[in-house]
């Protein structure tokens, strides 16, 4: 049976799960081998997911095609967006003998890409141990906190991996399945290249192999003939095209160049969609579409350890200053949802806005009340500050930033936009190194723990606002140790109610995603997250 978060043991019990990765074939179609799929992607800063800056989505999207994990999220048209059932990747089965012990049995015959220096040898438990330890110890890995509960990793035999945790962690399996966490890498590559930053070091056990990398132009991936799932992948070649000009991307999609929408994660932003959908019906009549809430949640981070942001009245005033629906109307044709601290896209865990209680009042648009709160806090004339920002190559993010600056100015806050290149932003403002404010998207995690623990627990790299609140800290630890799903959901709702009242981050609304894909692409289902490769492994092209 497949192991999802609902299958994890109850306190004192035991769960054993054995899984097989079974693609869900389309009923009306027979899978076909061959073809090339072309996708708009991004030029990665480097290819080392464990290294400094490796948490970039630009790297993670690429390596989702080339590298495996112990577990993965199921994909395909039967999986609704925002839901992430777990199945084995290189793990054939797993068990949880105690609250802090997990044992994984590996598939036999999993082969590395037939490229030097690994040359197609079999993957072993030692590769998993090495990858996890490197993930945890590589300096500058901002995602290492995702597995900080791991105490030790042991390899009782060639095909068995045993994890011992420091304390119970109810999200452990979800974390292992997350494409932002531990991609299994080869020690030989690190030994030869010194790290995994170079394209030559991209050697994995995943469904495709990196064939060529052309900086700032694109990448070509080819089918891994020794992939451990017989017959997969069906698609022979993947072209990842770098294009940072939106007009160029739009024209390329209209001409049929891209098989998926050019925005993350395979979508078209609402403004462009409204502009071109009638034309697309004529030029590409077989296109498939699906709308669903996005989990890329933008927010304003603040130095809440310093004046003026250490005063909750200032933070609440900033939230009241923002016309969230007006911003959605301007950048997303009005389609989207306001976000509590866990984005509404994570439908199993996000609290409905109507249930936020007292904290819900701070999400309304009320500039007069915002001015009153600022004056009450000692800032009747407002104040000035910088707002760190990078464009991420997104026109809607730029438009939203300009509107936020205007709304804050309307209540007396002069926020000067401090625009940075993406690499500089990721190394500084994204991990809390800024003087005043930062505006931008939060990493689109696939579980609520990473949205909450990473952003609010003291000392975490992604605690951008420098929060140290004992009430929050206690709740965050408690939900991690609660295996009963109903009880854990209640705790996570309680956390969101408390945080809504504190406004440590000023969350905006997320536009609705419009996923678009070519009608020739079969057995494909859109979802949230960076796992482009996982969503395409069992897909095929049919003309």
Protein backbone atom coordinates (compact mmCIF):
# COMPACT_ATOMS: atom_id res chain seq x y z
CA UNK A 1 0.00 0.00 0.00
CA UNK A 2 1.07 3.59 -0.46
CA UNK A 3 2.20 5.52 2.60
CA UNK A 4 0.76 9.00 2.98
CA UNK A 5 0.86 11.30 5.97
CA UNK A 6 -2.37 9.66 7.17
CA UNK A 7 -0.65 6.27 7.29
CA UNK A 8 2.01 7.33 9.75
CA UNK A 9 1.87 5.55 13.10
CA UNK A 10 -0.25 6.66 15.95
CA UNK A 11 1.59 7.06 19.23
CA UNK A 12 3.06 3.74 20.35
CA UNK A 13 2.02 1.91 17.18
CA UNK A 14 3.74 0.64 14.07
CA UNK A 15 3.30 1.24 10.38
CA UNK A 16 4.81 -0.77 7.55
CA UNK A 17 4.44 0.50 4.01
CA UNK A 18 5.49 -1.12 0.78
CA UNK A 19 5.09 0.85 -2.42
CA UNK A 20 5.56 0.44 -6.10
CA UNK A 21 5.72 3.38 -8.49
CA UNK A 22 2.84 2.56 -10.81
CA UNK A 23 2.05 5.17 -13.44
CA UNK A 24 -1.68 5.72 -13.96
CA UNK A 25 -2.19 5.08 -17.67
CA UNK A 26 -4.76 7.13 -19.50
CA UNK A 27 -7.74 4.95 -20.37
CA UNK A 28 -8.20 6.22 -23.89
CA UNK A 29 -4.53 6.25 -24.86
CA UNK A 30 -1.70 3.81 -25.17
CA UNK A 31 1.68 5.11 -23.92
CA UNK A 32 4.07 5.98 -26.74
CA UNK A 33 7.80 6.19 -26.60
CA UNK A 34 9.74 9.07 -28.14
CA UNK A 35 9.52 12.75 -28.88
CA UNK A 36 10.90 15.97 -27.44
CA UNK A 37 9.16 18.18 -24.91
CA UNK A 38 10.17 21.84 -24.71
CA UNK A 39 9.72 23.85 -21.53
CA UNK A 40 10.62 27.38 -20.57
CA UNK A 41 13.03 27.18 -17.62
CA UNK A 42 15.66 29.30 -15.88
CA UNK A 43 19.44 29.44 -15.90
CA UNK A 44 20.60 27.86 -12.62
CA UNK A 45 23.20 29.66 -10.49
CA UNK A 46 24.87 26.23 -10.24
CA UNK A 47 23.89 22.56 -9.94
CA UNK A 48 24.67 21.81 -6.28
CA UNK A 49 21.37 21.45 -4.41
CA UNK A 50 23.25 21.05 -1.13
CA UNK A 51 25.52 24.07 -1.55
CA UNK A 52 25.05 27.77 -0.83
CA UNK A 53 22.41 29.11 -3.20
CA UNK A 54 21.41 25.58 -4.19
CA UNK A 55 17.96 26.14 -2.72
CA UNK A 56 17.21 28.18 -5.85
CA UNK A 57 14.19 26.98 -7.79
CA UNK A 58 16.33 27.49 -10.90
CA UNK A 59 18.52 24.56 -9.84
CA UNK A 60 15.81 22.43 -8.28
CA UNK A 61 13.65 22.34 -11.41
CA UNK A 62 16.56 21.01 -13.49
CA UNK A 63 17.62 18.35 -11.00
CA UNK A 64 14.05 17.07 -10.65
CA UNK A 65 14.67 15.45 -14.05
CA UNK A 66 18.06 13.94 -13.24
CA UNK A 67 18.09 12.90 -9.58
CA UNK A 68 16.08 10.54 -7.40
CA UNK A 69 15.00 10.70 -3.77
CA UNK A 70 14.08 8.05 -1.24
CA UNK A 71 10.41 8.99 -1.57
CA UNK A 72 8.47 11.08 -4.03
CA UNK A 73 5.05 12.60 -4.52
CA UNK A 74 2.65 10.79 -6.78
CA UNK A 75 1.92 12.58 -10.02
CA UNK A 76 -0.56 12.37 -12.86
CA UNK A 77 -4.08 13.45 -13.77
CA UNK A 78 -5.61 11.53 -10.85
CA UNK A 79 -3.77 13.69 -8.26
CA UNK A 80 -5.53 17.03 -7.62
CA UNK A 81 -3.31 20.10 -7.27
CA UNK A 82 -2.45 20.89 -3.65
CA UNK A 83 -2.49 17.24 -2.54
CA UNK A 84 0.77 15.28 -2.16
CA UNK A 85 0.38 11.54 -1.57
CA UNK A 86 3.69 9.78 -0.96
CA UNK A 87 5.14 6.76 -2.73
CA UNK A 88 8.55 5.13 -3.01
CA UNK A 89 11.21 6.47 -5.34
CA UNK A 90 14.43 4.49 -4.77
CA UNK A 91 12.85 3.18 -1.54
CA UNK A 92 10.82 0.03 -2.14
CA UNK A 93 9.34 -0.04 1.37
CA UNK A 94 9.76 1.57 4.77
CA UNK A 95 8.76 1.06 8.39
CA UNK A 96 8.73 3.08 11.60
CA UNK A 97 9.69 0.83 14.54
CA UNK A 98 9.51 3.73 17.02
CA UNK A 99 8.65 7.42 17.18
CA UNK A 100 12.23 8.35 16.25
CA UNK A 101 13.31 5.45 14.01
CA UNK A 102 12.66 4.88 10.30
CA UNK A 103 14.00 1.99 8.22
CA UNK A 104 14.00 2.06 4.41
CA UNK A 105 14.55 -0.90 2.09
CA UNK A 106 15.98 0.13 -1.28
CA UNK A 107 15.05 -1.17 -4.69
CA UNK A 108 17.71 -3.42 -6.18
CA UNK A 109 19.13 -2.62 -9.57
CA UNK A 110 18.85 1.18 -9.38
CA UNK A 111 21.62 2.41 -11.68
CA UNK A 112 23.44 5.71 -11.87
CA UNK A 113 23.69 7.40 -15.24
CA UNK A 114 26.35 5.77 -17.39
CA UNK A 115 28.59 8.83 -17.19
CA UNK A 116 31.98 9.32 -15.50
CA UNK A 117 32.99 9.17 -12.76
CA UNK A 118 30.10 6.93 -11.58
CA UNK A 119 29.71 4.98 -14.85
CA UNK A 120 26.38 3.31 -14.23
CA UNK A 121 27.15 1.44 -11.01
CA UNK A 122 24.33 0.35 -8.71
CA UNK A 123 22.98 2.76 -6.12
CA UNK A 124 23.47 1.56 -2.54
CA UNK A 125 22.47 2.51 0.98
CA UNK A 126 25.84 4.20 1.38
CA UNK A 127 24.90 6.67 -1.37
CA UNK A 128 21.79 7.64 0.60
CA UNK A 129 23.73 8.02 3.84
CA UNK A 130 26.37 10.15 2.14
CA UNK A 131 23.75 12.38 0.46
CA UNK A 132 21.81 13.04 3.66
CA UNK A 133 24.95 13.83 5.66
CA UNK A 134 26.24 16.12 2.93
CA UNK A 135 22.86 17.88 2.78
CA UNK A 136 23.03 18.49 6.53
CA UNK A 137 26.66 19.62 6.75
CA UNK A 138 27.40 21.59 3.57
CA UNK A 139 28.07 25.18 4.58
CA UNK A 140 25.47 27.62 3.31
CA UNK A 141 22.70 25.10 2.65
CA UNK A 142 19.66 27.11 3.74
CA UNK A 143 17.43 24.05 3.36
CA UNK A 144 19.41 21.96 5.87
CA UNK A 145 16.85 22.92 8.53
CA UNK A 146 14.34 20.67 6.74
CA UNK A 147 16.13 17.61 8.18
CA UNK A 148 17.61 19.05 11.35
CA UNK A 149 15.73 16.40 13.33
CA UNK A 150 18.06 13.69 11.98
CA UNK A 151 20.53 12.42 14.58
CA UNK A 152 22.27 9.71 12.55
CA UNK A 153 21.97 7.67 9.38
CA UNK A 154 23.13 4.05 9.39
CA UNK A 155 23.45 1.40 6.68
CA UNK A 156 22.92 -2.09 8.19
CA UNK A 157 23.41 -3.61 4.74
CA UNK A 158 23.75 -2.64 1.10
CA UNK A 159 20.02 -2.08 0.62
CA UNK A 160 18.90 -0.82 4.05
CA UNK A 161 19.01 2.72 5.44
CA UNK A 162 18.14 3.45 9.07
CA UNK A 163 17.37 6.96 10.32
CA UNK A 164 17.44 7.84 14.02
CA UNK A 165 15.89 11.22 14.85
CA UNK A 166 16.71 13.51 17.76
CA UNK A 167 13.02 13.94 18.50
CA UNK A 168 9.72 12.92 16.91
CA UNK A 169 9.06 14.69 13.62
CA UNK A 170 5.66 14.02 12.10
CA UNK A 171 6.66 15.58 8.76
CA UNK A 172 9.72 13.37 8.19
CA UNK A 173 8.32 11.34 5.29
CA UNK A 174 6.87 14.44 3.62
CA UNK A 175 10.28 16.10 3.87
CA UNK A 176 12.11 13.17 2.28
CA UNK A 177 9.64 13.27 -0.62
CA UNK A 178 10.09 17.00 -1.14
CA UNK A 179 12.14 17.89 -4.25
CA UNK A 180 13.74 20.71 -2.25
CA UNK A 181 15.31 18.26 0.18
CA UNK A 182 17.73 15.38 -0.35
CA UNK A 183 18.49 14.55 -3.96
CA UNK A 184 20.69 11.44 -3.88
CA UNK A 185 24.16 12.35 -5.19
CA UNK A 186 27.34 10.37 -5.85
CA UNK A 187 30.43 10.82 -3.68
CA UNK A 188 32.60 10.15 -6.73
CA UNK A 189 31.31 13.38 -8.33
CA UNK A 190 32.13 15.43 -5.23
CA UNK A 191 35.57 13.83 -5.02
CA UNK A 192 36.31 14.57 -8.68
CA UNK A 193 34.86 18.08 -8.99
CA UNK A 194 35.25 19.35 -5.42
CA UNK A 195 31.53 20.15 -5.29
CA UNK A 196 28.51 19.69 -7.53
CA UNK A 197 28.31 23.15 -9.04
CA UNK A 198 29.57 22.24 -12.53
CA UNK A 199 27.24 20.76 -15.19
CA UNK A 200 29.65 17.80 -15.57
CA UNK A 201 28.78 16.80 -12.01
CA UNK A 202 25.09 16.32 -12.84
CA UNK A 203 25.02 12.53 -12.56
CA UNK A 204 22.00 10.98 -10.88
CA UNK A 205 19.70 7.97 -11.05
CA UNK A 206 16.70 9.93 -12.34
CA UNK A 207 14.71 9.42 -15.55
CA UNK A 208 16.72 11.83 -17.69
CA UNK A 209 20.42 12.69 -18.06
CA UNK A 210 21.91 16.14 -18.66
CA UNK A 211 23.27 16.02 -22.22
CA UNK A 212 24.31 19.64 -22.69
CA UNK A 213 24.23 22.95 -20.85
CA UNK A 214 24.39 26.28 -22.66
CA UNK A 215 24.71 29.14 -20.12
CA UNK A 216 21.84 31.60 -20.32
CA UNK A 217 20.43 29.72 -23.32
CA UNK A 218 19.20 26.34 -22.17
CA UNK A 219 19.80 22.68 -21.40
CA UNK A 220 19.12 19.40 -23.16
CA UNK A 221 18.24 16.26 -21.24
CA UNK A 222 18.04 12.79 -22.76
CA UNK A 223 16.31 9.62 -21.62
CA UNK A 224 18.15 7.47 -19.06
CA UNK A 225 18.05 4.01 -20.69
CA UNK A 226 18.89 2.32 -17.38
CA UNK A 227 16.14 4.00 -15.35
CA UNK A 228 14.87 1.64 -12.66
CA UNK A 229 11.20 1.82 -13.76
CA UNK A 230 11.00 -0.38 -16.83
CA UNK A 231 9.76 1.47 -19.90
CA UNK A 232 10.00 4.92 -18.32
CA UNK A 233 10.38 7.68 -19.14
CA UNK A 234 8.42 7.66 -22.39
CA UNK A 235 9.73 11.02 -23.60
CA UNK A 236 13.19 10.78 -25.18
CA UNK A 237 14.36 14.37 -24.90
CA UNK A 238 13.62 17.43 -22.77
CA UNK A 239 14.64 20.90 -23.91
CA UNK A 240 14.76 23.49 -21.12
CA UNK A 241 14.87 26.95 -22.69
CA UNK A 242 16.03 30.07 -20.85
CA UNK A 243 14.03 33.14 -21.88
CA UNK A 244 13.76 36.12 -19.54
CA UNK A 245 11.67 38.30 -21.86
CA UNK A 246 7.94 37.92 -21.33
CA UNK A 247 6.97 39.11 -24.82
CA UNK A 248 9.34 36.55 -26.32
CA UNK A 249 7.94 33.79 -24.11
CA UNK A 250 4.37 34.71 -25.04
CA UNK A 251 5.16 34.69 -28.76
CA UNK A 252 6.97 31.35 -28.42
CA UNK A 253 3.97 29.78 -26.71
CA UNK A 254 1.56 31.11 -29.33
CA UNK A 255 3.73 29.54 -32.03
CA UNK A 256 3.60 26.14 -30.33
CA UNK A 257 7.18 26.06 -29.06
CA UNK A 258 6.43 25.29 -25.39
CA UNK A 259 4.44 22.29 -24.22
CA UNK A 260 3.70 23.87 -20.81
CA UNK A 261 2.79 27.38 -19.77
CA UNK A 262 5.96 29.45 -19.44
CA UNK A 263 5.41 30.66 -15.87
CA UNK A 264 6.10 28.54 -12.78
CA UNK A 265 4.89 25.77 -12.42
CA UNK A 266 3.77 25.34 -16.03
CA UNK A 267 1.19 28.14 -15.91
CA UNK A 268 0.30 31.39 -17.66
CA UNK A 269 -0.32 34.43 -15.50
CA UNK A 270 -3.87 35.69 -15.58
CA UNK A 271 -3.16 38.97 -17.35
CA UNK A 272 -1.41 37.23 -20.24
CA UNK A 273 -4.02 34.46 -20.26
CA UNK A 274 -6.89 36.90 -20.72
CA UNK A 275 -4.92 38.57 -23.51
CA UNK A 276 -4.16 35.46 -25.55
CA UNK A 277 -6.74 32.79 -24.73
CA UNK A 278 -8.99 33.60 -27.69
CA UNK A 279 -6.03 33.51 -30.06
CA UNK A 280 -4.85 30.25 -28.52
CA UNK A 281 -8.22 28.63 -29.20
CA UNK A 282 -7.55 29.19 -32.89
CA UNK A 283 -3.81 28.51 -33.02
CA UNK A 284 -3.57 25.67 -30.46
CA UNK A 285 -7.10 24.24 -30.17
CA UNK A 286 -6.02 21.11 -28.28
CA UNK A 287 -4.64 22.92 -25.24
CA UNK A 288 -5.64 21.65 -21.79
CA UNK A 289 -6.10 23.99 -18.81
CA UNK A 290 -6.80 23.77 -15.08
CA UNK A 291 -7.22 26.54 -12.49
CA UNK A 292 -6.13 26.08 -8.88
CA UNK A 293 -4.80 28.23 -6.00
CA UNK A 294 -1.11 29.07 -6.12
CA UNK A 295 1.23 28.43 -3.19
CA UNK A 296 3.75 31.11 -4.08
CA UNK A 297 2.85 33.43 -1.23
CA UNK A 298 4.32 36.92 -1.38
CA UNK A 299 4.78 38.91 1.78
CA UNK A 300 6.55 41.83 3.38
CA UNK A 301 9.24 40.76 5.85
CA UNK A 302 10.33 43.23 8.52
CA UNK A 303 13.07 43.49 11.12
CA UNK A 304 10.68 42.86 14.01
CA UNK A 305 13.65 42.83 16.38
CA UNK A 306 14.08 46.59 15.81
CA UNK A 307 11.94 49.74 15.89
CA UNK A 308 9.56 50.54 14.36
CA UNK A 309 8.59 46.98 13.41
CA UNK A 310 8.88 45.58 16.95
CA UNK A 311 5.59 47.35 17.66
CA UNK A 312 2.63 45.18 16.65
CA UNK A 313 0.58 48.30 15.91
CA UNK A 314 3.00 49.24 13.14
CA UNK A 315 2.80 45.77 11.60
CA UNK A 316 -0.99 45.78 11.78
CA UNK A 317 -1.08 49.24 10.21
CA UNK A 318 1.01 48.00 7.28
CA UNK A 319 -1.37 45.11 6.76
CA UNK A 320 -4.42 47.39 6.86
CA UNK A 321 -2.74 49.69 4.32
CA UNK A 322 -2.76 47.06 1.58
CA UNK A 323 -5.71 46.69 -0.74
CA UNK A 324 -5.23 42.99 -1.42
CA UNK A 325 -8.20 42.61 -3.74
CA UNK A 326 -7.26 45.80 -5.56
CA UNK A 327 -3.77 44.41 -6.15
CA UNK A 328 -5.28 41.15 -7.45
CA UNK A 329 -7.55 43.16 -9.75
CA UNK A 330 -4.50 44.95 -11.16
CA UNK A 331 -2.09 42.04 -11.60
CA UNK A 332 -4.28 38.94 -11.90
CA UNK A 333 -7.62 39.99 -13.37
CA UNK A 334 -9.05 39.71 -9.86
CA UNK A 335 -8.48 35.95 -9.61
CA UNK A 336 -6.82 34.85 -6.38
CA UNK A 337 -7.18 34.34 -2.66
CA UNK A 338 -5.94 36.22 0.44
CA UNK A 339 -3.52 34.08 2.42
CA UNK A 340 -3.37 33.30 6.12
CA UNK A 341 0.12 32.22 7.30
CA UNK A 342 -0.28 28.87 5.47
CA UNK A 343 -1.33 29.48 1.86
CA UNK A 344 -4.84 28.46 0.88
CA UNK A 345 -3.34 26.23 -1.83
CA UNK A 346 -2.45 23.69 0.89
CA UNK A 347 -6.11 22.89 1.31
CA UNK A 348 -5.62 20.25 4.01
CA UNK A 349 -3.80 22.64 6.36
CA UNK A 350 -4.61 26.28 5.62
CA UNK A 351 -7.22 27.78 7.93
CA UNK A 352 -10.20 29.42 6.17
CA UNK A 353 -9.97 33.19 6.46
CA UNK A 354 -13.38 33.31 8.14
CA UNK A 355 -12.00 31.22 11.01
CA UNK A 356 -9.01 33.45 11.84
CA UNK A 357 -10.85 35.07 14.74
CA UNK A 358 -9.45 38.35 16.04
CA UNK A 359 -6.52 38.24 13.62
CA UNK A 360 -8.82 38.28 10.61
CA UNK A 361 -9.52 42.00 11.04
CA UNK A 362 -5.97 42.92 9.99
CA UNK A 363 -6.48 41.57 6.46
CA UNK A 364 -9.09 44.15 5.52
CA UNK A 365 -8.26 47.35 3.62
CA UNK A 366 -8.59 50.29 6.02
CA UNK A 367 -6.00 53.06 5.49
CA UNK A 368 -7.73 55.39 8.00
CA UNK A 369 -7.37 52.80 10.79
CA UNK A 370 -3.80 52.16 9.63
CA UNK A 371 -2.94 55.85 10.12
CA UNK A 372 -4.56 55.82 13.56
CA UNK A 373 -2.49 52.82 14.63
CA UNK A 374 0.72 54.44 13.36
CA UNK A 375 -0.01 57.59 15.35
CA UNK A 376 -0.82 55.51 18.43
CA UNK A 377 2.53 53.78 18.04
CA UNK A 378 4.34 57.13 17.97
CA UNK A 379 4.63 57.63 14.19
CA UNK A 380 1.92 60.21 13.30
CA UNK A 381 3.92 61.26 10.24
CA UNK A 382 4.93 57.75 9.29
CA UNK A 383 8.56 56.77 8.73
CA UNK A 384 10.98 55.87 5.95
CA UNK A 385 12.71 52.60 5.19
CA UNK A 386 14.19 50.51 2.39
CA UNK A 387 12.45 47.53 0.82
CA UNK A 388 14.75 44.87 -0.62
CA UNK A 389 13.41 43.34 -3.85
CA UNK A 390 14.27 41.24 -6.90
CA UNK A 391 12.06 40.74 -9.94
CA UNK A 392 12.41 36.95 -10.34
CA UNK A 393 11.82 37.77 -14.02
CA UNK A 394 8.12 38.28 -13.26
CA UNK A 395 6.21 41.26 -14.58
CA UNK A 396 3.35 40.71 -12.10
CA UNK A 397 5.77 40.77 -9.16
CA UNK A 398 7.15 44.11 -10.33
CA UNK A 399 3.63 45.52 -10.70
CA UNK A 400 2.66 44.26 -7.23
CA UNK A 401 5.75 45.85 -5.66
CA UNK A 402 4.89 49.24 -7.15
CA UNK A 403 1.34 49.03 -5.81
CA UNK A 404 2.59 48.07 -2.33
CA UNK A 405 4.95 51.04 -2.30
CA UNK A 406 2.01 53.30 -3.20
CA UNK A 407 -0.31 51.85 -0.54
CA UNK A 408 2.32 52.25 2.17
CA UNK A 409 3.00 55.81 1.08
CA UNK A 410 -0.71 56.56 1.43
CA UNK A 411 -0.43 56.01 5.21
CA UNK A 412 2.91 57.84 5.53
CA UNK A 413 5.44 55.00 5.14
CA UNK A 414 8.07 55.92 2.55
CA UNK A 415 9.42 52.58 1.37
CA UNK A 416 12.36 52.98 -1.01
CA UNK A 417 12.69 50.00 -3.37
CA UNK A 418 16.18 48.50 -3.10
CA UNK A 419 16.29 46.26 -6.16
CA UNK A 420 18.96 43.56 -6.32
CA UNK A 421 20.10 40.92 -8.78
CA UNK A 422 18.58 37.53 -7.90
CA UNK A 423 21.81 35.96 -6.63
CA UNK A 424 22.53 38.90 -4.33
CA UNK A 425 18.94 38.90 -3.10
CA UNK A 426 18.99 35.15 -2.38
CA UNK A 427 22.23 35.45 -0.41
CA UNK A 428 21.03 38.38 1.69
CA UNK A 429 17.41 39.48 1.95
CA UNK A 430 15.90 36.03 1.38
CA UNK A 431 17.71 34.77 4.48
CA UNK A 432 17.03 37.80 6.70
CA UNK A 433 20.05 39.96 5.90
CA UNK A 434 18.47 43.37 5.33
CA UNK A 435 18.05 46.63 7.23
CA UNK A 436 14.35 47.41 7.12
CA UNK A 437 11.89 45.51 4.88
CA UNK A 438 11.88 42.92 2.11
CA UNK A 439 9.14 42.15 -0.37
CA UNK A 440 8.98 38.99 -2.43
CA UNK A 441 7.70 35.45 -2.72
CA UNK A 442 8.28 32.86 -0.03
CA UNK A 443 9.58 29.48 -1.17
CA UNK A 444 6.52 27.51 -2.36
CA UNK A 445 6.73 24.67 0.13
CA UNK A 446 4.42 21.68 -0.09
CA UNK A 447 3.67 21.25 3.61
CA UNK A 448 2.68 23.69 6.38
CA UNK A 449 5.64 22.87 8.63
CA UNK A 450 8.10 24.51 6.25
CA UNK A 451 5.88 27.57 5.90
CA UNK A 452 5.68 27.87 9.67
CA UNK A 453 8.75 26.38 11.34
CA UNK A 454 11.24 27.73 8.81
CA UNK A 455 9.80 31.25 8.88
CA UNK A 456 9.01 31.64 12.58
CA UNK A 457 11.36 29.47 14.63
CA UNK A 458 14.23 31.49 16.21
CA UNK A 459 17.53 31.26 14.39
CA UNK A 460 16.25 29.55 11.24
CA UNK A 461 17.84 30.93 8.02
CA UNK A 462 14.45 31.66 6.47
CA UNK A 463 13.13 33.42 9.56
CA UNK A 464 13.46 36.62 7.56
CA UNK A 465 11.67 38.80 10.08
CA UNK A 466 13.94 37.72 12.98
CA UNK A 467 11.03 36.48 15.10
CA UNK A 468 11.59 35.17 18.62
CA UNK A 469 8.19 34.55 20.17
CA UNK A 470 8.02 31.85 22.91
CA UNK A 471 4.32 31.22 22.23
CA UNK A 472 4.99 30.49 18.56
CA UNK A 473 8.10 28.44 19.34
CA UNK A 474 6.17 26.16 21.70
CA UNK A 475 3.34 25.61 19.20
CA UNK A 476 5.76 24.88 16.37
CA UNK A 477 7.51 22.17 18.37
CA UNK A 478 4.21 20.66 19.53
CA UNK A 479 2.77 20.26 16.04
CA UNK A 480 5.98 18.54 14.89
CA UNK A 481 5.55 15.94 17.63
CA UNK A 482 1.86 15.30 16.98
CA UNK A 483 1.27 12.29 14.71
CA UNK A 484 -2.51 12.28 14.92
CA UNK A 485 -3.52 14.21 11.79
CA UNK A 486 -6.68 15.75 13.26
CA UNK A 487 -4.88 17.01 16.35
CA UNK A 488 -1.99 18.32 14.27
CA UNK A 489 -4.36 20.20 11.97
CA UNK A 490 -5.97 21.85 14.99
CA UNK A 491 -2.57 22.97 16.28
CA UNK A 492 -1.64 24.37 12.88
CA UNK A 493 -4.93 26.28 12.77
CA UNK A 494 -4.21 27.66 16.25
CA UNK A 495 -0.76 28.78 15.10
CA UNK A 496 -2.27 30.60 12.14
CA UNK A 497 -4.80 32.40 14.34
CA UNK A 498 -2.06 33.61 16.65
CA UNK A 499 0.22 34.68 13.79
CA UNK A 500 -2.57 36.53 11.99
CA UNK A 501 -2.94 38.73 15.06
CA UNK A 502 0.81 39.37 15.33
CA UNK A 503 1.45 40.13 11.62
CA UNK A 504 5.15 39.24 11.78
CA UNK A 505 4.89 39.01 8.00
CA UNK A 506 2.34 40.97 6.00
CA UNK A 507 0.93 38.34 3.68
CA UNK A 508 -0.70 39.31 0.42
CA UNK A 509 -3.08 37.34 -1.79
CA UNK A 510 -1.92 34.61 -4.18
CA UNK A 511 -3.15 34.78 -7.77
CA UNK A 512 -4.98 31.75 -9.08
CA UNK A 513 -2.78 29.52 -11.23
CA UNK A 514 -3.91 28.71 -14.76
CA UNK A 515 -1.97 25.61 -15.74
CA UNK A 516 -1.80 25.12 -19.50
CA UNK A 517 -0.37 22.19 -21.40
CA UNK A 518 -0.32 20.88 -24.96
CA UNK A 519 -3.09 18.44 -25.84
CA UNK A 520 -0.48 16.03 -27.19
CA UNK A 521 0.98 15.63 -23.71
CA UNK A 522 -0.82 12.65 -22.17
CA UNK A 523 -0.95 11.28 -18.61
CA UNK A 524 0.12 14.65 -17.24
CA UNK A 525 -1.42 16.45 -14.30
CA UNK A 526 -0.35 19.90 -13.04
CA UNK A 527 0.53 20.46 -9.40
CA UNK A 528 2.41 22.80 -7.11
CA UNK A 529 6.17 22.72 -6.61
CA UNK A 530 9.44 22.28 -8.45
CA UNK A 531 9.07 18.61 -9.41
CA UNK A 532 8.69 19.14 -13.15
CA UNK A 533 10.58 15.90 -13.80
CA UNK A 534 8.36 13.89 -11.49
CA UNK A 535 5.21 15.16 -13.19
CA UNK A 536 6.56 14.16 -16.61
CA UNK A 537 8.18 10.78 -15.88
CA UNK A 538 5.11 8.74 -16.85
CA UNK A 539 3.75 11.23 -19.42
CA UNK A 540 4.03 10.76 -23.16
CA UNK A 541 3.53 12.67 -26.40
CA UNK A 542 0.79 11.56 -28.76
CA UNK A 543 0.07 13.23 -32.07
